[in-house]
Amino acid sequence: MSKNSYFRRMSIWLSDYELEEVAKKMQVNMVAHLGIEITDLGEDYLAGTMPVDCRTQQPFGILHGGASCVLAETLGSIAANLVVDPKVSYCLGLDINTNHLRAVRSGIVTGIARPIHLGRKTQVWEIKIHDSKENLVSISRLTMMIMSHK
């Protein structure tokens, strides 16, 4: 084994997924309705964007906290399911906690999901959402339960 391959970072994903393959799963559901798009699949993260517009704003004209949670849970859930063998198991959300730190009135927000814990029965993901100026808008912790197909 060469020194470069030994120190090269290993991907957390079960397979070599293509971004288009992952994004295709979101065409006809709430994710599509809110305009959420998967934008990047790195070695240890999944990223996506969501517009801040009439679909995702609350009555005061700022990003709705529930919409932030939808973006966070979408990214964390997709990422969690990319780490397990879909022939054997699947992941479901068990708990989400979100702290809303900054108001956003318009534009696009970007979420990045990274694993904190990848266990046999549970996974914990951290999802940070930033505005277009890279200000931290919210931070979420999502716990996923790994279920086996019966």
Protein backbone atom coordinates (compact mmCIF):
# COMPACT_ATOMS: atom_id res chain seq x y z
CA MET A 1 0.00 0.00 0.00
CA SER A 2 1.43 3.38 -0.96
CA LYS A 3 1.79 6.15 1.57
CA ASN A 4 -0.75 8.29 -0.33
CA SER A 5 -3.44 5.60 -0.36
CA TYR A 6 -2.85 4.84 3.32
CA PHE A 7 -3.48 8.45 4.33
CA ARG A 8 -6.26 9.07 1.83
CA ARG A 9 -9.56 9.69 3.52
CA MET A 10 -12.10 6.90 3.12
CA SER A 11 -15.66 7.66 2.09
CA ILE A 12 -18.44 6.85 4.55
CA TRP A 13 -20.88 5.92 1.77
CA LEU A 14 -21.74 2.27 1.16
CA SER A 15 -21.35 2.62 -2.62
CA ASP A 16 -20.01 5.10 -5.13
CA TYR A 17 -23.26 7.02 -5.46
CA GLU A 18 -23.69 9.63 -8.17
CA LEU A 19 -25.22 12.98 -7.22
CA GLU A 20 -27.91 12.64 -9.92
CA GLU A 21 -28.89 9.21 -8.57
CA VAL A 22 -29.41 10.63 -5.08
CA ALA A 23 -31.27 13.73 -6.30
CA LYS A 24 -33.65 11.67 -8.45
CA LYS A 25 -35.39 10.27 -5.33
CA MET A 26 -36.86 13.68 -4.46
CA GLN A 27 -38.98 14.51 -7.49
CA VAL A 28 -42.57 14.16 -6.21
CA ASN A 29 -42.81 14.84 -2.50
CA MET A 30 -42.58 17.62 0.09
CA VAL A 31 -38.89 18.04 -0.68
CA ALA A 32 -39.67 18.93 -4.30
CA HIS A 33 -42.54 21.20 -3.21
CA LEU A 34 -40.15 23.25 -1.04
CA GLY A 35 -37.54 23.45 -3.81
CA ILE A 36 -34.88 21.49 -1.93
CA GLU A 37 -32.03 20.28 -4.14
CA ILE A 38 -29.11 17.99 -3.38
CA THR A 39 -25.98 19.83 -4.51
CA ASP A 40 -22.93 17.92 -3.29
CA LEU A 41 -21.93 14.47 -2.08
CA GLY A 42 -18.48 14.58 -0.48
CA GLU A 43 -16.48 11.85 1.23
CA ASP A 44 -18.18 12.46 4.59
CA TYR A 45 -21.02 14.90 3.94
CA LEU A 46 -24.18 15.54 1.93
CA ALA A 47 -25.16 19.10 1.00
CA GLY A 48 -28.32 20.66 -0.34
CA THR A 49 -30.02 23.99 -0.86
CA MET A 50 -33.48 25.42 -0.24
CA PRO A 51 -34.92 28.74 -1.43
CA VAL A 52 -36.25 31.24 1.09
CA ASP A 53 -39.48 32.30 -0.62
CA CYS A 54 -43.26 32.11 -0.14
CA ARG A 55 -43.04 28.29 0.21
CA THR A 56 -40.57 28.40 3.09
CA GLN A 57 -41.27 31.72 4.87
CA GLN A 58 -43.45 32.18 7.93
CA PRO A 59 -46.03 35.04 8.10
CA PHE A 60 -43.40 37.59 9.23
CA GLY A 61 -41.46 37.03 5.99
CA ILE A 62 -38.51 35.09 7.44
CA LEU A 63 -37.41 31.50 6.98
CA HIS A 64 -39.86 29.20 8.78
CA GLY A 65 -38.23 27.07 11.46
CA GLY A 66 -40.18 24.06 10.24
CA ALA A 67 -38.74 24.51 6.76
CA SER A 68 -35.24 24.52 8.26
CA CYS A 69 -36.11 21.26 10.02
CA VAL A 70 -37.37 19.78 6.74
CA LEU A 71 -34.08 20.64 5.03
CA ALA A 72 -32.08 19.22 7.95
CA GLU A 73 -34.10 16.00 8.17
CA THR A 74 -34.04 15.55 4.41
CA LEU A 75 -30.27 15.78 4.23
CA GLY A 76 -29.70 13.65 7.33
CA SER A 77 -32.20 11.00 6.27
CA ILE A 78 -30.83 10.67 2.77
CA ALA A 79 -27.26 10.53 4.10
CA ALA A 80 -28.19 7.93 6.72
CA ASN A 81 -29.71 5.67 4.09
CA LEU A 82 -26.63 5.98 1.87
CA VAL A 83 -24.52 4.47 4.65
CA VAL A 84 -26.53 1.24 5.04
CA ASP A 85 -27.09 -1.66 2.66
CA PRO A 86 -30.60 -1.04 1.22
CA LYS A 87 -31.09 -4.78 0.69
CA VAL A 88 -30.68 -5.38 4.42
CA SER A 89 -31.86 -2.23 6.22
CA TYR A 90 -33.22 1.29 6.02
CA CYS A 91 -33.12 4.31 8.32
CA LEU A 92 -35.97 6.29 9.87
CA GLY A 93 -35.87 9.53 11.83
CA LEU A 94 -36.15 9.03 15.56
CA ASP A 95 -35.49 12.53 16.91
CA ILE A 96 -34.54 15.96 15.62
CA ASN A 97 -33.42 18.98 17.58
CA THR A 98 -32.87 22.33 15.88
CA ASN A 99 -31.56 25.62 17.19
CA HIS A 100 -32.50 28.62 15.06
CA LEU A 101 -29.72 31.20 15.28
CA ARG A 102 -30.29 33.83 12.59
CA ALA A 103 -33.24 35.07 10.54
CA VAL A 104 -33.15 34.89 6.75
CA ARG A 105 -35.63 36.86 4.62
CA SER A 106 -34.75 35.78 1.08
CA GLY A 107 -32.23 33.98 -1.08
CA ILE A 108 -31.02 30.44 -0.69
CA VAL A 109 -29.85 28.53 2.37
CA THR A 110 -27.41 25.62 2.22
CA GLY A 111 -27.41 22.65 4.56
CA ILE A 112 -24.53 20.25 5.16
CA ALA A 113 -25.08 16.92 6.94
CA ARG A 114 -22.15 15.14 8.59
CA PRO A 115 -22.20 12.04 10.80
CA ILE A 116 -21.46 12.26 14.50
CA HIS A 117 -22.11 8.56 15.19
CA LEU A 118 -22.62 5.65 12.79
CA GLY A 119 -23.65 2.69 14.93
CA ARG A 120 -25.27 -0.69 14.34
CA LYS A 121 -28.72 0.40 15.54
CA THR A 122 -28.62 4.20 15.44
CA GLN A 123 -26.91 7.05 13.67
CA VAL A 124 -26.56 10.68 14.76
CA TRP A 125 -26.11 13.43 12.17
CA GLU A 126 -25.27 17.11 12.54
CA ILE A 127 -26.78 19.43 9.96
CA LYS A 128 -25.62 23.04 9.73
CA ILE A 129 -27.59 25.50 7.61
CA HIS A 130 -25.91 28.68 6.32
CA ASP A 131 -27.19 31.68 4.36
CA SER A 132 -25.58 32.93 1.15
CA LYS A 133 -23.08 34.99 3.19
CA GLU A 134 -22.06 31.82 5.06
CA ASN A 135 -23.65 32.97 8.33
CA LEU A 136 -24.83 30.05 10.46
CA VAL A 137 -28.65 30.11 10.36
CA SER A 138 -29.44 26.93 12.29
CA ILE A 139 -27.87 23.76 13.59
CA SER A 140 -29.68 20.45 13.95
CA ARG A 141 -28.95 17.08 15.47
CA LEU A 142 -30.84 14.19 13.87
CA THR A 143 -30.99 10.70 15.36
CA MET A 144 -31.81 7.92 12.93
CA MET A 145 -32.94 4.39 13.77
CA ILE A 146 -31.66 1.56 11.59
CA MET A 147 -34.44 -0.88 10.73
CA SER A 148 -34.01 -4.28 9.13
CA HIS A 149 -36.26 -5.50 6.32
CA LYS A 150 -38.35 -8.41 7.55
